Amino acid sequence: MKERKTKRYALLKEAKERKRKMKIKTGLKVRKMKEKPLKNL
C-alpha cells in the first residue's frame, strides 16, 4: 500500500516538473517572438 502511494506521488511530481519545464520553454518562445518585431522596426 505504501509503495503504491509513493509511486503515485513520484509520478505526480514528475508531471509537475514536466509542466514547469514546458512553461519555461513556451515562455522563452514568447519572449523571442516579442523581441523580433522590435528589431524589425
N, C-alpha and C. Protein backbone atom coordinates (compact mmCIF):
# COMPACT_ATOMS: atom_id res chain seq x y z
N MET A 1 0.84 -1.20 0.00
CA MET A 1 0.00 0.00 0.00
C MET A 1 0.87 1.26 0.00
N LYS A 2 1.84 1.27 0.88
CA LYS A 2 2.71 2.45 0.99
C LYS A 2 3.52 2.63 -0.30
N GLU A 3 3.97 1.51 -0.85
CA GLU A 3 4.77 1.58 -2.07
C GLU A 3 3.99 2.22 -3.22
N ARG A 4 2.74 1.81 -3.34
CA ARG A 4 1.91 2.34 -4.42
C ARG A 4 1.72 3.85 -4.27
N LYS A 5 1.54 4.26 -3.04
CA LYS A 5 1.32 5.69 -2.76
C LYS A 5 2.55 6.50 -3.16
N THR A 6 3.73 6.00 -2.81
CA THR A 6 4.96 6.73 -3.14
C THR A 6 5.16 6.76 -4.65
N LYS A 7 4.76 5.67 -5.32
CA LYS A 7 4.90 5.61 -6.76
C LYS A 7 4.02 6.68 -7.41
N ARG A 8 2.79 6.78 -6.92
CA ARG A 8 1.86 7.77 -7.46
C ARG A 8 2.38 9.18 -7.21
N TYR A 9 2.95 9.37 -6.04
CA TYR A 9 3.48 10.69 -5.68
C TYR A 9 4.63 11.06 -6.61
N ALA A 10 5.45 10.06 -6.91
CA ALA A 10 6.59 10.29 -7.79
C ALA A 10 6.11 10.68 -9.19
N LEU A 11 5.07 10.00 -9.65
CA LEU A 11 4.53 10.31 -10.97
C LEU A 11 3.96 11.72 -11.00
N LEU A 12 3.27 12.09 -9.93
CA LEU A 12 2.69 13.42 -9.83
C LEU A 12 3.79 14.48 -9.87
N LYS A 13 4.84 14.21 -9.13
CA LYS A 13 5.97 15.14 -9.06
C LYS A 13 6.60 15.28 -10.45
N GLU A 14 6.73 14.17 -11.14
CA GLU A 14 7.35 14.17 -12.46
C GLU A 14 6.50 15.00 -13.44
N ALA A 15 5.19 14.81 -13.36
CA ALA A 15 4.28 15.54 -14.24
C ALA A 15 4.38 17.04 -13.98
N LYS A 16 4.46 17.40 -12.70
CA LYS A 16 4.57 18.81 -12.33
C LYS A 16 5.85 19.40 -12.90
N GLU A 17 6.93 18.65 -12.78
CA GLU A 17 8.23 19.11 -13.27
C GLU A 17 8.19 19.31 -14.78
N ARG A 18 7.55 18.36 -15.46
CA ARG A 18 7.47 18.44 -16.92
C ARG A 18 6.66 19.67 -17.33
N LYS A 19 5.56 19.92 -16.62
CA LYS A 19 4.72 21.08 -16.92
C LYS A 19 5.51 22.36 -16.72
N ARG A 20 6.31 22.39 -15.65
CA ARG A 20 7.10 23.58 -15.34
C ARG A 20 8.11 23.83 -16.45
N LYS A 21 8.74 22.76 -16.93
CA LYS A 21 9.74 22.90 -17.98
C LYS A 21 9.09 23.39 -19.27
N MET A 22 7.89 22.86 -19.55
CA MET A 22 7.18 23.27 -20.76
C MET A 22 6.82 24.76 -20.67
N LYS A 23 6.42 25.17 -19.48
CA LYS A 23 6.05 26.58 -19.26
C LYS A 23 7.25 27.47 -19.54
N ILE A 24 8.41 27.06 -19.06
CA ILE A 24 9.63 27.84 -19.26
C ILE A 24 9.96 27.90 -20.75
N LYS A 25 9.81 26.76 -21.43
CA LYS A 25 10.12 26.71 -22.86
C LYS A 25 9.21 27.64 -23.64
N THR A 26 7.90 27.56 -23.38
CA THR A 26 6.95 28.41 -24.10
C THR A 26 7.18 29.87 -23.74
N GLY A 27 7.56 30.12 -22.50
CA GLY A 27 7.83 31.48 -22.06
C GLY A 27 8.98 32.08 -22.84
N LEU A 28 10.02 31.28 -23.06
CA LEU A 28 11.17 31.75 -23.82
C LEU A 28 10.78 32.01 -25.27
N LYS A 29 9.94 31.14 -25.82
CA LYS A 29 9.49 31.30 -27.20
C LYS A 29 8.73 32.61 -27.35
N VAL A 30 7.82 32.86 -26.41
CA VAL A 30 7.01 34.08 -26.46
C VAL A 30 7.90 35.31 -26.35
N ARG A 31 8.89 35.22 -25.48
CA ARG A 31 9.80 36.36 -25.30
C ARG A 31 10.56 36.64 -26.59
N LYS A 32 10.99 35.57 -27.27
CA LYS A 32 11.73 35.74 -28.51
C LYS A 32 10.84 36.36 -29.58
N MET A 33 9.58 35.90 -29.62
CA MET A 33 8.64 36.43 -30.61
C MET A 33 8.34 37.90 -30.35
N LYS A 34 8.32 38.27 -29.09
CA LYS A 34 8.04 39.67 -28.74
C LYS A 34 9.24 40.55 -29.08
N GLU A 35 10.43 39.99 -28.99
CA GLU A 35 11.64 40.77 -29.26
C GLU A 35 11.84 40.99 -30.76
N LYS A 36 11.45 40.01 -31.57
CA LYS A 36 11.69 40.09 -33.01
C LYS A 36 11.04 41.31 -33.67
N PRO A 37 9.75 41.58 -33.42
CA PRO A 37 9.12 42.75 -34.06
C PRO A 37 9.83 44.05 -33.72
N LEU A 38 10.34 44.16 -32.51
CA LEU A 38 11.04 45.39 -32.10
C LEU A 38 12.30 45.57 -32.94
N LYS A 39 12.98 44.47 -33.23
CA LYS A 39 14.21 44.54 -34.02
C LYS A 39 13.90 44.89 -35.47
N ASN A 40 12.75 44.43 -35.96
CA ASN A 40 12.38 44.70 -37.34
C ASN A 40 12.05 46.17 -37.55
N LEU A 41 11.56 46.83 -36.51
CA LEU A 41 11.23 48.25 -36.62
C LEU A 41 12.53 49.05 -36.68
